Amino acid sequence: SVKGRFTISRDNAKATTYLQMNSLKPEDTAVYYCKAGLTQVPRG
C-alpha cells in the first residue's frame, strides 16, 4: 500500500529511523509507531 511512496532509512550515528512519506492519501491517516527488532526486540 505504500511502496513507491514511502522510504524508510536510518542513521546509526544518530540512533534515528526515518520514514519519508510522499504522495499522501487519506487512507494513510493513522498513528505511526516505530519498533526495534524484527525477530528479537531489545529487553524491556
Full PDB file with SEQRES, HELIX, SHEET, SSBOND, CRYST1, ORIGX, SCALE, CONECT and MASTER records, all heavy atoms in Angstrom:
SEQRES   1 A   44  SER VAL LYS GLY ARG PHE THR ILE SER ARG ASP ASN ALA          
SEQRES   2 A   44  LYS ALA THR THR TYR LEU GLN MET ASN SER LEU LYS PRO          
SEQRES   3 A   44  GLU ASP THR ALA VAL TYR TYR CYS LYS ALA GLY LEU THR          
SEQRES   4 A   44  GLN VAL PRO ARG GLY                                          
HELIX    1 AA1 PRO A   26  ASP A   28  5                                   3    
SHEET    1 AA1 2 PHE A   6  ASP A  11  0                                        
SHEET    2 AA1 2 THR A  16  MET A  21 -1                                        
CRYST1    1.000    1.000    1.000  90.00  90.00  90.00 P 1           1          
ORIGX1      1.000000  0.000000  0.000000        0.00000                         
ORIGX2      0.000000  1.000000  0.000000        0.00000                         
ORIGX3      0.000000  0.000000  1.000000        0.00000                         
SCALE1      1.000000  0.000000  0.000000        0.00000                         
SCALE2      0.000000  1.000000  0.000000        0.00000                         
SCALE3      0.000000  0.000000  1.000000        0.00000                         
ATOM      1  N   SER A   1       0.793  -1.212   0.000  1.00  0.00           N  
ATOM      2  CA  SER A   1       0.000   0.000   0.000  1.00  0.00           C  
ATOM      3  C   SER A   1       0.836   1.278   0.000  1.00  0.00           C  
ATOM      4  O   SER A   1       0.324   2.341  -0.353  1.00  0.00           O  
ATOM      5  CB  SER A   1      -0.951   0.016   1.198  1.00  0.00           C  
ATOM      6  OG  SER A   1      -0.232  -0.060   2.414  1.00  0.00           O  
ATOM      7  N   VAL A   2       2.100   1.187   0.392  1.00  0.00           N  
ATOM      8  CA  VAL A   2       2.950   2.378   0.466  1.00  0.00           C  
ATOM      9  C   VAL A   2       4.154   2.312  -0.450  1.00  0.00           C  
ATOM     10  O   VAL A   2       4.880   3.309  -0.586  1.00  0.00           O  
ATOM     11  CB  VAL A   2       3.423   2.650   1.909  1.00  0.00           C  
ATOM     12  CG1 VAL A   2       2.237   2.683   2.864  1.00  0.00           C  
ATOM     13  CG2 VAL A   2       4.447   1.615   2.357  1.00  0.00           C  
ATOM     14  N   LYS A   3       4.379   1.181  -1.080  1.00  0.00           N  
ATOM     15  CA  LYS A   3       5.551   1.011  -1.937  1.00  0.00           C  
ATOM     16  C   LYS A   3       5.548   2.054  -3.052  1.00  0.00           C  
ATOM     17  O   LYS A   3       4.535   2.275  -3.713  1.00  0.00           O  
ATOM     18  CB  LYS A   3       5.586  -0.397  -2.512  1.00  0.00           C  
ATOM     19  CG  LYS A   3       6.870  -0.736  -3.253  1.00  0.00           C  
ATOM     20  CD  LYS A   3       6.927  -2.221  -3.612  1.00  0.00           C  
ATOM     21  CE  LYS A   3       7.001  -3.081  -2.367  1.00  0.00           C  
ATOM     22  NZ  LYS A   3       7.165  -4.526  -2.687  1.00  0.00           N  
ATOM     23  N   GLY A   4       6.695   2.691  -3.237  1.00  0.00           N  
ATOM     24  CA  GLY A   4       6.827   3.732  -4.235  1.00  0.00           C  
ATOM     25  C   GLY A   4       6.513   5.112  -3.718  1.00  0.00           C  
ATOM     26  O   GLY A   4       6.835   6.106  -4.391  1.00  0.00           O  
ATOM     27  N   ARG A   5       5.897   5.199  -2.551  1.00  0.00           N  
ATOM     28  CA  ARG A   5       5.558   6.490  -1.962  1.00  0.00           C  
ATOM     29  C   ARG A   5       6.340   6.773  -0.678  1.00  0.00           C  
ATOM     30  O   ARG A   5       6.664   7.918  -0.395  1.00  0.00           O  
ATOM     31  CB  ARG A   5       4.061   6.567  -1.650  1.00  0.00           C  
ATOM     32  CG  ARG A   5       3.173   6.408  -2.875  1.00  0.00           C  
ATOM     33  CD  ARG A   5       1.709   6.669  -2.529  1.00  0.00           C  
ATOM     34  NE  ARG A   5       1.196   5.711  -1.556  1.00  0.00           N  
ATOM     35  CZ  ARG A   5       0.711   6.034  -0.357  1.00  0.00           C  
ATOM     36  NH1 ARG A   5       0.663   7.309   0.025  1.00  0.00           N  
ATOM     37  NH2 ARG A   5       0.244   5.090   0.450  1.00  0.00           N  
ATOM     38  N   PHE A   6       6.612   5.731   0.094  1.00  0.00           N  
ATOM     39  CA  PHE A   6       7.306   5.878   1.373  1.00  0.00           C  
ATOM     40  C   PHE A   6       8.722   5.339   1.268  1.00  0.00           C  
ATOM     41  O   PHE A   6       8.984   4.377   0.536  1.00  0.00           O  
ATOM     42  CB  PHE A   6       6.587   5.103   2.480  1.00  0.00           C  
ATOM     43  CG  PHE A   6       5.255   5.664   2.896  1.00  0.00           C  
ATOM     44  CD1 PHE A   6       4.613   6.661   2.174  1.00  0.00           C  
ATOM     45  CD2 PHE A   6       4.624   5.173   4.034  1.00  0.00           C  
ATOM     46  CE1 PHE A   6       3.382   7.165   2.569  1.00  0.00           C  
ATOM     47  CE2 PHE A   6       3.399   5.664   4.442  1.00  0.00           C  
ATOM     48  CZ  PHE A   6       2.776   6.652   3.716  1.00  0.00           C  
ATOM     49  N   THR A   7       9.632   5.932   2.032  1.00  0.00           N  
ATOM     50  CA  THR A   7      11.006   5.474   2.093  1.00  0.00           C  
ATOM     51  C   THR A   7      11.456   5.422   3.547  1.00  0.00           C  
ATOM     52  O   THR A   7      11.389   6.426   4.257  1.00  0.00           O  
ATOM     53  CB  THR A   7      11.952   6.391   1.307  1.00  0.00           C  
ATOM     54  OG1 THR A   7      11.525   6.485  -0.049  1.00  0.00           O  
ATOM     55  CG2 THR A   7      13.377   5.849   1.346  1.00  0.00           C  
ATOM     56  N   ILE A   8      11.912   4.255   3.980  1.00  0.00           N  
ATOM     57  CA  ILE A   8      12.453   4.108   5.322  1.00  0.00           C  
ATOM     58  C   ILE A   8      13.975   4.177   5.246  1.00  0.00           C  
ATOM     59  O   ILE A   8      14.586   3.667   4.301  1.00  0.00           O  
ATOM     60  CB  ILE A   8      11.991   2.794   5.986  1.00  0.00           C  
ATOM     61  CG1 ILE A   8      12.418   2.745   7.451  1.00  0.00           C  
ATOM     62  CG2 ILE A   8      12.503   1.578   5.220  1.00  0.00           C  
ATOM     63  CD1 ILE A   8      11.821   1.571   8.222  1.00  0.00           C  
ATOM     64  N   SER A   9      14.581   4.813   6.228  1.00  0.00           N  
ATOM     65  CA  SER A   9      16.027   4.910   6.288  1.00  0.00           C  
ATOM     66  C   SER A   9      16.452   5.020   7.745  1.00  0.00           C  
ATOM     67  O   SER A   9      15.615   5.204   8.636  1.00  0.00           O  
ATOM     68  CB  SER A   9      16.547   6.102   5.477  1.00  0.00           C  
ATOM     69  OG  SER A   9      16.041   7.325   5.993  1.00  0.00           O  
ATOM     70  N   ARG A  10      17.750   4.904   7.986  1.00  0.00           N  
ATOM     71  CA  ARG A  10      18.240   5.015   9.352  1.00  0.00           C  
ATOM     72  C   ARG A  10      19.607   5.666   9.369  1.00  0.00           C  
ATOM     73  O   ARG A  10      20.371   5.583   8.403  1.00  0.00           O  
ATOM     74  CB  ARG A  10      18.294   3.634  10.027  1.00  0.00           C  
ATOM     75  CG  ARG A  10      19.294   2.673   9.400  1.00  0.00           C  
ATOM     76  CD  ARG A  10      19.128   1.268   9.980  1.00  0.00           C  
ATOM     77  NE  ARG A  10      19.450   1.236  11.399  1.00  0.00           N  
ATOM     78  CZ  ARG A  10      19.093   0.255  12.224  1.00  0.00           C  
ATOM     79  NH1 ARG A  10      18.388  -0.775  11.759  1.00  0.00           N  
ATOM     80  NH2 ARG A  10      19.433   0.294  13.504  1.00  0.00           N  
ATOM     81  N   ASP A  11      19.901   6.307  10.477  1.00  0.00           N  
ATOM     82  CA  ASP A  11      21.199   6.914  10.723  1.00  0.00           C  
ATOM     83  C   ASP A  11      21.681   6.350  12.047  1.00  0.00           C  
ATOM     84  O   ASP A  11      21.249   6.787  13.114  1.00  0.00           O  
ATOM     85  CB  ASP A  11      21.088   8.434  10.777  1.00  0.00           C  
ATOM     86  CG  ASP A  11      22.429   9.121  10.904  1.00  0.00           C  
ATOM     87  OD1 ASP A  11      23.397   8.499  11.366  1.00  0.00           O  
ATOM     88  OD2 ASP A  11      22.511  10.308  10.528  1.00  0.00           O  
ATOM     89  N   ASN A  12      22.564   5.365  11.974  1.00  0.00           N  
ATOM     90  CA  ASN A  12      23.007   4.700  13.196  1.00  0.00           C  
ATOM     91  C   ASN A  12      23.803   5.621  14.113  1.00  0.00           C  
ATOM     92  O   ASN A  12      23.793   5.449  15.329  1.00  0.00           O  
ATOM     93  CB  ASN A  12      23.821   3.454  12.852  1.00  0.00           C  
ATOM     94  CG  ASN A  12      22.949   2.309  12.381  1.00  0.00           C  
ATOM     95  OD1 ASN A  12      21.728   2.354  12.498  1.00  0.00           O  
ATOM     96  ND2 ASN A  12      23.577   1.268  11.841  1.00  0.00           N  
ATOM     97  N   ALA A  13      24.493   6.595  13.543  1.00  0.00           N  
ATOM     98  CA  ALA A  13      25.246   7.543  14.354  1.00  0.00           C  
ATOM     99  C   ALA A  13      24.319   8.403  15.208  1.00  0.00           C  
ATOM    100  O   ALA A  13      24.697   8.848  16.287  1.00  0.00           O  
ATOM    101  CB  ALA A  13      26.120   8.428  13.478  1.00  0.00           C  
ATOM    102  N   LYS A  14      23.110   8.645  14.713  1.00  0.00           N  
ATOM    103  CA  LYS A  14      22.126   9.434  15.439  1.00  0.00           C  
ATOM    104  C   LYS A  14      21.072   8.585  16.126  1.00  0.00           C  
ATOM    105  O   LYS A  14      20.178   9.128  16.777  1.00  0.00           O  
ATOM    106  CB  LYS A  14      21.440  10.416  14.490  1.00  0.00           C  
ATOM    107  CG  LYS A  14      22.361  11.458  13.885  1.00  0.00           C  
ATOM    108  CD  LYS A  14      21.590  12.395  12.977  1.00  0.00           C  
ATOM    109  CE  LYS A  14      22.486  13.467  12.395  1.00  0.00           C  
ATOM    110  NZ  LYS A  14      21.741  14.384  11.495  1.00  0.00           N  
ATOM    111  N   ALA A  15      21.166   7.270  15.980  1.00  0.00           N  
ATOM    112  CA  ALA A  15      20.184   6.344  16.550  1.00  0.00           C  
ATOM    113  C   ALA A  15      18.771   6.753  16.157  1.00  0.00           C  
ATOM    114  O   ALA A  15      17.859   6.749  16.983  1.00  0.00           O  
ATOM    115  CB  ALA A  15      20.332   6.261  18.068  1.00  0.00           C  
ATOM    116  N   THR A  16      18.609   7.091  14.897  1.00  0.00           N  
ATOM    117  CA  THR A  16      17.341   7.611  14.409  1.00  0.00           C  
ATOM    118  C   THR A  16      16.885   6.862  13.169  1.00  0.00           C  
ATOM    119  O   THR A  16      17.688   6.583  12.275  1.00  0.00           O  
ATOM    120  CB  THR A  16      17.446   9.107  14.094  1.00  0.00           C  
ATOM    121  OG1 THR A  16      17.841   9.814  15.280  1.00  0.00           O  
ATOM    122  CG2 THR A  16      16.108   9.653  13.623  1.00  0.00           C  
ATOM    123  N   THR A  17      15.606   6.550  13.134  1.00  0.00           N  
ATOM    124  CA  THR A  17      14.959   5.941  11.984  1.00  0.00           C  
ATOM    125  C   THR A  17      13.995   6.950  11.381  1.00  0.00           C  
ATOM    126  O   THR A  17      13.294   7.656  12.109  1.00  0.00           O  
ATOM    127  CB  THR A  17      14.195   4.672  12.382  1.00  0.00           C  
ATOM    128  OG1 THR A  17      15.043   3.825  13.160  1.00  0.00           O  
ATOM    129  CG2 THR A  17      13.733   3.910  11.145  1.00  0.00           C  
ATOM    130  N   TYR A  18      13.956   7.014  10.064  1.00  0.00           N  
ATOM    131  CA  TYR A  18      13.118   7.977   9.370  1.00  0.00           C  
ATOM    132  C   TYR A  18      12.105   7.263   8.484  1.00  0.00           C  
ATOM    133  O   TYR A  18      12.331   6.153   8.014  1.00  0.00           O  
ATOM    134  CB  TYR A  18      13.953   8.903   8.486  1.00  0.00           C  
ATOM    135  CG  TYR A  18      15.039   9.642   9.219  1.00  0.00           C  
ATOM    136  CD1 TYR A  18      16.343   9.165   9.236  1.00  0.00           C  
ATOM    137  CD2 TYR A  18      14.761  10.826   9.897  1.00  0.00           C  
ATOM    138  CE1 TYR A  18      17.342   9.842   9.913  1.00  0.00           C  
ATOM    139  CE2 TYR A  18      15.748  11.510  10.574  1.00  0.00           C  
ATOM    140  CZ  TYR A  18      17.041  11.017  10.577  1.00  0.00           C  
ATOM    141  OH  TYR A  18      18.025  11.693  11.246  1.00  0.00           O  
ATOM    142  N   LEU A  19      11.006   7.939   8.252  1.00  0.00           N  
ATOM    143  CA  LEU A  19      10.038   7.493   7.268  1.00  0.00           C  
ATOM    144  C   LEU A  19       9.622   8.709   6.448  1.00  0.00           C  
ATOM    145  O   LEU A  19       8.899   9.574   6.938  1.00  0.00           O  
ATOM    146  CB  LEU A  19       8.817   6.845   7.919  1.00  0.00           C  
ATOM    147  CG  LEU A  19       7.809   6.233   6.946  1.00  0.00           C  
ATOM    148  CD1 LEU A  19       8.421   5.025   6.231  1.00  0.00           C  
ATOM    149  CD2 LEU A  19       6.527   5.833   7.665  1.00  0.00           C  
ATOM    150  N   GLN A  20      10.109   8.774   5.222  1.00  0.00           N  
ATOM    151  CA  GLN A  20       9.716   9.831   4.304  1.00  0.00           C  
ATOM    152  C   GLN A  20       8.445   9.395   3.598  1.00  0.00           C  
ATOM    153  O   GLN A  20       8.427   8.357   2.933  1.00  0.00           O  
ATOM    154  CB  GLN A  20      10.822  10.105   3.283  1.00  0.00           C  
ATOM    155  CG  GLN A  20      10.477  11.165   2.248  1.00  0.00           C  
ATOM    156  CD  GLN A  20      10.321  12.540   2.847  1.00  0.00           C  
ATOM    157  OE1 GLN A  20      11.166  12.962   3.632  1.00  0.00           O  
ATOM    158  NE2 GLN A  20       9.248  13.233   2.497  1.00  0.00           N  
ATOM    159  N   MET A  21       7.396  10.177   3.734  1.00  0.00           N  
ATOM    160  CA  MET A  21       6.096   9.841   3.178  1.00  0.00           C  
ATOM    161  C   MET A  21       5.722  10.889   2.138  1.00  0.00           C  
ATOM    162  O   MET A  21       5.553  12.065   2.464  1.00  0.00           O  
ATOM    163  CB  MET A  21       5.035   9.777   4.271  1.00  0.00           C  
ATOM    164  CG  MET A  21       5.388   8.834   5.415  1.00  0.00           C  
ATOM    165  SD  MET A  21       4.045   8.666   6.615  1.00  0.00           S  
ATOM    166  CE  MET A  21       3.978  10.346   7.240  1.00  0.00           C  
ATOM    167  N   ASN A  22       5.597  10.462   0.904  1.00  0.00           N  
ATOM    168  CA  ASN A  22       5.215  11.332  -0.196  1.00  0.00           C  
ATOM    169  C   ASN A  22       3.885  10.878  -0.781  1.00  0.00           C  
ATOM    170  O   ASN A  22       3.442   9.750  -0.562  1.00  0.00           O  
ATOM    171  CB  ASN A  22       6.284  11.323  -1.286  1.00  0.00           C  
ATOM    172  CG  ASN A  22       7.628  11.824  -0.811  1.00  0.00           C  
ATOM    173  OD1 ASN A  22       7.716  12.728   0.016  1.00  0.00           O  
ATOM    174  ND2 ASN A  22       8.698  11.244  -1.347  1.00  0.00           N  
ATOM    175  N   SER A  23       3.274  11.756  -1.544  1.00  0.00           N  
ATOM    176  CA  SER A  23       2.005  11.459  -2.211  1.00  0.00           C  
ATOM    177  C   SER A  23       0.992  10.872  -1.233  1.00  0.00           C  
ATOM    178  O   SER A  23       0.348   9.854  -1.508  1.00  0.00           O  
ATOM    179  CB  SER A  23       2.238  10.499  -3.385  1.00  0.00           C  
ATOM    180  OG  SER A  23       3.151  11.042  -4.312  1.00  0.00           O  
ATOM    181  N   LEU A  24       0.843  11.522  -0.115  1.00  0.00           N  
ATOM    182  CA  LEU A  24      -0.002  11.001   0.948  1.00  0.00           C  
ATOM    183  C   LEU A  24      -1.462  10.945   0.536  1.00  0.00           C  
ATOM    184  O   LEU A  24      -1.954  11.819  -0.190  1.00  0.00           O  
ATOM    185  CB  LEU A  24       0.160  11.837   2.210  1.00  0.00           C  
ATOM    186  CG  LEU A  24       1.446  11.547   2.984  1.00  0.00           C  
ATOM    187  CD1 LEU A  24       1.774  12.683   3.938  1.00  0.00           C  
ATOM    188  CD2 LEU A  24       1.318  10.227   3.734  1.00  0.00           C  
ATOM    189  N   LYS A  25      -2.137   9.916   1.013  1.00  0.00           N  
ATOM    190  CA  LYS A  25      -3.541   9.670   0.733  1.00  0.00           C  
ATOM    191  C   LYS A  25      -4.329   9.674   2.033  1.00  0.00           C  
ATOM    192  O   LYS A  25      -3.769   9.405   3.098  1.00  0.00           O  
ATOM    193  CB  LYS A  25      -3.716   8.317   0.035  1.00  0.00           C  
ATOM    194  CG  LYS A  25      -2.899   8.135  -1.226  1.00  0.00           C  
ATOM    195  CD  LYS A  25      -3.048   6.717  -1.758  1.00  0.00           C  
ATOM    196  CE  LYS A  25      -2.240   6.518  -3.023  1.00  0.00           C  
ATOM    197  NZ  LYS A  25      -2.381   5.128  -3.538  1.00  0.00           N  
ATOM    198  N   PRO A  26      -5.635   9.941   1.962  1.00  0.00           N  
ATOM    199  CA  PRO A  26      -6.438   9.898   3.186  1.00  0.00           C  
ATOM    200  C   PRO A  26      -6.325   8.570   3.930  1.00  0.00           C  
ATOM    201  O   PRO A  26      -6.369   8.563   5.166  1.00  0.00           O  
ATOM    202  CB  PRO A  26      -7.861  10.132   2.670  1.00  0.00           C  
ATOM    203  CG  PRO A  26      -7.670  10.965   1.455  1.00  0.00           C  
ATOM    204  CD  PRO A  26      -6.410  10.440   0.812  1.00  0.00           C  
ATOM    205  N   GLU A  27      -6.176   7.471   3.218  1.00  0.00           N  
ATOM    206  CA  GLU A  27      -6.056   6.179   3.867  1.00  0.00           C  
ATOM    207  C   GLU A  27      -4.738   5.982   4.608  1.00  0.00           C  
ATOM    208  O   GLU A  27      -4.558   4.985   5.304  1.00  0.00           O  
ATOM    209  CB  GLU A  27      -6.268   5.035   2.864  1.00  0.00           C  
ATOM    210  CG  GLU A  27      -5.411   5.145   1.620  1.00  0.00           C  
ATOM    211  CD  GLU A  27      -6.154   5.754   0.441  1.00  0.00           C  
ATOM    212  OE1 GLU A  27      -6.854   6.772   0.642  1.00  0.00           O  
ATOM    213  OE2 GLU A  27      -6.043   5.217  -0.679  1.00  0.00           O  
ATOM    214  N   ASP A  28      -3.807   6.922   4.464  1.00  0.00           N  
ATOM    215  CA  ASP A  28      -2.580   6.894   5.247  1.00  0.00           C  
ATOM    216  C   ASP A  28      -2.787   7.462   6.649  1.00  0.00           C  
ATOM    217  O   ASP A  28      -1.876   7.387   7.478  1.00  0.00           O  
ATOM    218  CB  ASP A  28      -1.468   7.684   4.550  1.00  0.00           C  
ATOM    219  CG  ASP A  28      -1.053   7.066   3.228  1.00  0.00           C  
ATOM    220  OD1 ASP A  28      -0.930   5.831   3.153  1.00  0.00           O  
ATOM    221  OD2 ASP A  28      -0.832   7.833   2.269  1.00  0.00           O  
ATOM    222  N   THR A  29      -3.943   8.042   6.904  1.00  0.00           N  
ATOM    223  CA  THR A  29      -4.232   8.609   8.213  1.00  0.00           C  
ATOM    224  C   THR A  29      -4.168   7.526   9.282  1.00  0.00           C  
ATOM    225  O   THR A  29      -4.857   6.512   9.202  1.00  0.00           O  
ATOM    226  CB  THR A  29      -5.614   9.266   8.218  1.00  0.00           C  
ATOM    227  OG1 THR A  29      -5.615  10.373   7.310  1.00  0.00           O  
ATOM    228  CG2 THR A  29      -5.964   9.774   9.613  1.00  0.00           C  
ATOM    229  N   ALA A  30      -3.328   7.742  10.281  1.00  0.00           N  
ATOM    230  CA  ALA A  30      -3.119   6.759  11.334  1.00  0.00           C  
ATOM    231  C   ALA A  30      -2.137   7.317  12.346  1.00  0.00           C  
ATOM    232  O   ALA A  30      -1.501   8.344  12.114  1.00  0.00           O  
ATOM    233  CB  ALA A  30      -2.569   5.450  10.754  1.00  0.00           C  
ATOM    234  N   VAL A  31      -2.011   6.622  13.464  1.00  0.00           N  
ATOM    235  CA  VAL A  31      -0.915   6.864  14.379  1.00  0.00           C  
ATOM    236  C   VAL A  31       0.238   5.978  13.945  1.00  0.00           C  
ATOM    237  O   VAL A  31       0.062   4.769  13.764  1.00  0.00           O  
ATOM    238  CB  VAL A  31      -1.300   6.575  15.838  1.00  0.00           C  
ATOM    239  CG1 VAL A  31      -0.106   6.798  16.757  1.00  0.00           C  
ATOM    240  CG2 VAL A  31      -2.469   7.453  16.257  1.00  0.00           C  
ATOM    241  N   TYR A  32       1.404   6.565  13.774  1.00  0.00           N  
ATOM    242  CA  TYR A  32       2.576   5.841  13.302  1.00  0.00           C  
ATOM    243  C   TYR A  32       3.522   5.565  14.460  1.00  0.00           C  
ATOM    244  O   TYR A  32       3.840   6.460  15.245  1.00  0.00           O  
ATOM    245  CB  TYR A  32       3.293   6.640  12.210  1.00  0.00           C  
ATOM    246  CG  TYR A  32       2.581   6.579  10.880  1.00  0.00           C  
ATOM    247  CD1 TYR A  32       1.368   7.231  10.695  1.00  0.00           C  
ATOM    248  CD2 TYR A  32       3.106   5.853   9.812  1.00  0.00           C  
ATOM    249  CE1 TYR A  32       0.692   7.164   9.489  1.00  0.00           C  
ATOM    250  CE2 TYR A  32       2.445   5.781   8.601  1.00  0.00           C  
ATOM    251  CZ  TYR A  32       1.236   6.436   8.445  1.00  0.00           C  
ATOM    252  OH  TYR A  32       0.571   6.371   7.246  1.00  0.00           O  
ATOM    253  N   TYR A  33       3.966   4.328  14.542  1.00  0.00           N  
ATOM    254  CA  TYR A  33       4.840   3.871  15.611  1.00  0.00           C  
ATOM    255  C   TYR A  33       6.109   3.267  15.028  1.00  0.00           C  
ATOM    256  O   TYR A  33       6.065   2.629  13.977  1.00  0.00           O  
ATOM    257  CB  TYR A  33       4.170   2.779  16.451  1.00  0.00           C  
ATOM    258  CG  TYR A  33       2.837   3.135  17.049  1.00  0.00           C  
ATOM    259  CD1 TYR A  33       1.663   2.949  16.331  1.00  0.00           C  
ATOM    260  CD2 TYR A  33       2.753   3.622  18.347  1.00  0.00           C  
ATOM    261  CE1 TYR A  33       0.433   3.253  16.889  1.00  0.00           C  
ATOM    262  CE2 TYR A  33       1.528   3.926  18.911  1.00  0.00           C  
ATOM    263  CZ  TYR A  33       0.372   3.739  18.179  1.00  0.00           C  
ATOM    264  OH  TYR A  33      -0.850   4.037  18.737  1.00  0.00           O  
ATOM    265  N   CYS A  34       7.219   3.427  15.725  1.00  0.00           N  
ATOM    266  CA  CYS A  34       8.415   2.704  15.332  1.00  0.00           C  
ATOM    267  C   CYS A  34       8.653   1.542  16.289  1.00  0.00           C  
ATOM    268  O   CYS A  34       8.220   1.556  17.441  1.00  0.00           O  
ATOM    269  CB  CYS A  34       9.642   3.613  15.250  1.00  0.00           C  
ATOM    270  SG  CYS A  34      10.073   4.475  16.771  1.00  0.00           S  
ATOM    271  N   LYS A  35       9.322   0.526  15.794  1.00  0.00           N  
ATOM    272  CA  LYS A  35       9.576  -0.683  16.551  1.00  0.00           C  
ATOM    273  C   LYS A  35      11.015  -1.114  16.348  1.00  0.00           C  
ATOM    274  O   LYS A  35      11.528  -1.095  15.235  1.00  0.00           O  
ATOM    275  CB  LYS A  35       8.632  -1.799  16.099  1.00  0.00           C  
ATOM    276  CG  LYS A  35       8.865  -3.149  16.758  1.00  0.00           C  
ATOM    277  CD  LYS A  35       7.896  -4.181  16.212  1.00  0.00           C  
ATOM    278  CE  LYS A  35       8.122  -5.548  16.834  1.00  0.00           C  
ATOM    279  NZ  LYS A  35       9.413  -6.137  16.417  1.00  0.00           N  
ATOM    280  N   ALA A  36      11.654  -1.517  17.425  1.00  0.00           N  
ATOM    281  CA  ALA A  36      13.015  -2.022  17.373  1.00  0.00           C  
ATOM    282  C   ALA A  36      13.006  -3.538  17.281  1.00  0.00           C  
ATOM    283  O   ALA A  36      12.314  -4.207  18.056  1.00  0.00           O  
ATOM    284  CB  ALA A  36      13.800  -1.578  18.608  1.00  0.00           C  
ATOM    285  N   GLY A  37      13.765  -4.067  16.339  1.00  0.00           N  
ATOM    286  CA  GLY A  37      13.869  -5.507  16.190  1.00  0.00           C  
ATOM    287  C   GLY A  37      12.797  -6.065  15.282  1.00  0.00           C  
ATOM    288  O   GLY A  37      11.664  -5.586  15.253  1.00  0.00           O  
ATOM    289  N   LEU A  38      13.154  -7.109  14.553  1.00  0.00           N  
ATOM    290  CA  LEU A  38      12.212  -7.794  13.687  1.00  0.00           C  
ATOM    291  C   LEU A  38      11.887  -9.183  14.221  1.00  0.00           C  
ATOM    292  O   LEU A  38      10.712  -9.540  14.353  1.00  0.00           O  
ATOM    293  CB  LEU A  38      12.769  -7.884  12.261  1.00  0.00           C  
ATOM    294  CG  LEU A  38      13.028  -6.540  11.581  1.00  0.00           C  
ATOM    295  CD1 LEU A  38      13.655  -6.746  10.209  1.00  0.00           C  
ATOM    296  CD2 LEU A  38      11.741  -5.737  11.468  1.00  0.00           C  
ATOM    297  N   THR A  39      12.904  -9.958  14.537  1.00  0.00           N  
ATOM    298  CA  THR A  39      12.713 -11.275  15.137  1.00  0.00           C  
ATOM    299  C   THR A  39      13.008 -11.273  16.629  1.00  0.00           C  
ATOM    300  O   THR A  39      12.630 -12.206  17.334  1.00  0.00           O  
ATOM    301  CB  THR A  39      13.597 -12.325  14.446  1.00  0.00           C  
ATOM    302  OG1 THR A  39      14.974 -11.969  14.588  1.00  0.00           O  
ATOM    303  CG2 THR A  39      13.250 -12.410  12.967  1.00  0.00           C  
ATOM    304  N   GLN A  40      13.676 -10.250  17.109  1.00  0.00           N  
ATOM    305  CA  GLN A  40      14.011 -10.132  18.520  1.00  0.00           C  
ATOM    306  C   GLN A  40      13.996  -8.658  18.900  1.00  0.00           C  
ATOM    307  O   GLN A  40      14.569  -7.833  18.196  1.00  0.00           O  
ATOM    308  CB  GLN A  40      15.379 -10.738  18.805  1.00  0.00           C  
ATOM    309  CG  GLN A  40      15.793 -10.693  20.268  1.00  0.00           C  
ATOM    310  CD  GLN A  40      17.143 -11.357  20.504  1.00  0.00           C  
ATOM    311  OE1 GLN A  40      17.616 -12.137  19.688  1.00  0.00           O  
ATOM    312  NE2 GLN A  40      17.750 -11.042  21.634  1.00  0.00           N  
ATOM    313  N   VAL A  41      13.348  -8.334  19.994  1.00  0.00           N  
ATOM    314  CA  VAL A  41      13.270  -6.955  20.453  1.00  0.00           C  
ATOM    315  C   VAL A  41      14.225  -6.743  21.618  1.00  0.00           C  
ATOM    316  O   VAL A  41      14.566  -7.681  22.328  1.00  0.00           O  
ATOM    317  CB  VAL A  41      11.836  -6.574  20.872  1.00  0.00           C  
ATOM    318  CG1 VAL A  41      10.876  -6.743  19.696  1.00  0.00           C  
ATOM    319  CG2 VAL A  41      11.378  -7.415  22.055  1.00  0.00           C  
ATOM    320  N   PRO A  42      14.671  -5.499  21.818  1.00  0.00           N  
ATOM    321  CA  PRO A  42      15.512  -5.231  22.989  1.00  0.00           C  
ATOM    322  C   PRO A  42      14.760  -5.526  24.272  1.00  0.00           C  
ATOM    323  O   PRO A  42      13.537  -5.348  24.354  1.00  0.00           O  
ATOM    324  CB  PRO A  42      15.823  -3.736  22.866  1.00  0.00           C  
ATOM    325  CG  PRO A  42      15.544  -3.385  21.440  1.00  0.00           C  
ATOM    326  CD  PRO A  42      14.439  -4.291  21.016  1.00  0.00           C  
ATOM    327  N   ARG A  43      15.485  -5.980  25.272  1.00  0.00           N  
ATOM    328  CA  ARG A  43      14.871  -6.265  26.557  1.00  0.00           C  
ATOM    329  C   ARG A  43      14.203  -5.015  27.111  1.00  0.00           C  
ATOM    330  O   ARG A  43      14.819  -3.951  27.174  1.00  0.00           O  
ATOM    331  CB  ARG A  43      15.931  -6.776  27.539  1.00  0.00           C  
ATOM    332  CG  ARG A  43      15.368  -7.199  28.890  1.00  0.00           C  
ATOM    333  CD  ARG A  43      16.457  -7.787  29.762  1.00  0.00           C  
ATOM    334  NE  ARG A  43      17.540  -6.841  29.989  1.00  0.00           N  
ATOM    335  CZ  ARG A  43      18.641  -7.115  30.666  1.00  0.00           C  
ATOM    336  NH1 ARG A  43      18.809  -8.326  31.177  1.00  0.00           N  
ATOM    337  NH2 ARG A  43      19.575  -6.194  30.813  1.00  0.00           N  
ATOM    338  N   GLY A  44      12.960  -5.131  27.488  1.00  0.00           N  
ATOM    339  CA  GLY A  44      12.217  -4.017  28.045  1.00  0.00           C  
ATOM    340  C   GLY A  44      11.506  -3.153  27.028  1.00  0.00           C  
ATOM    341  O   GLY A  44      10.841  -2.176  27.403  1.00  0.00           O  
TER     342      GLY A  44                                                      
MASTER        0    0    0    1    2    0    0    6  341    1    0    4          
END                                                                             
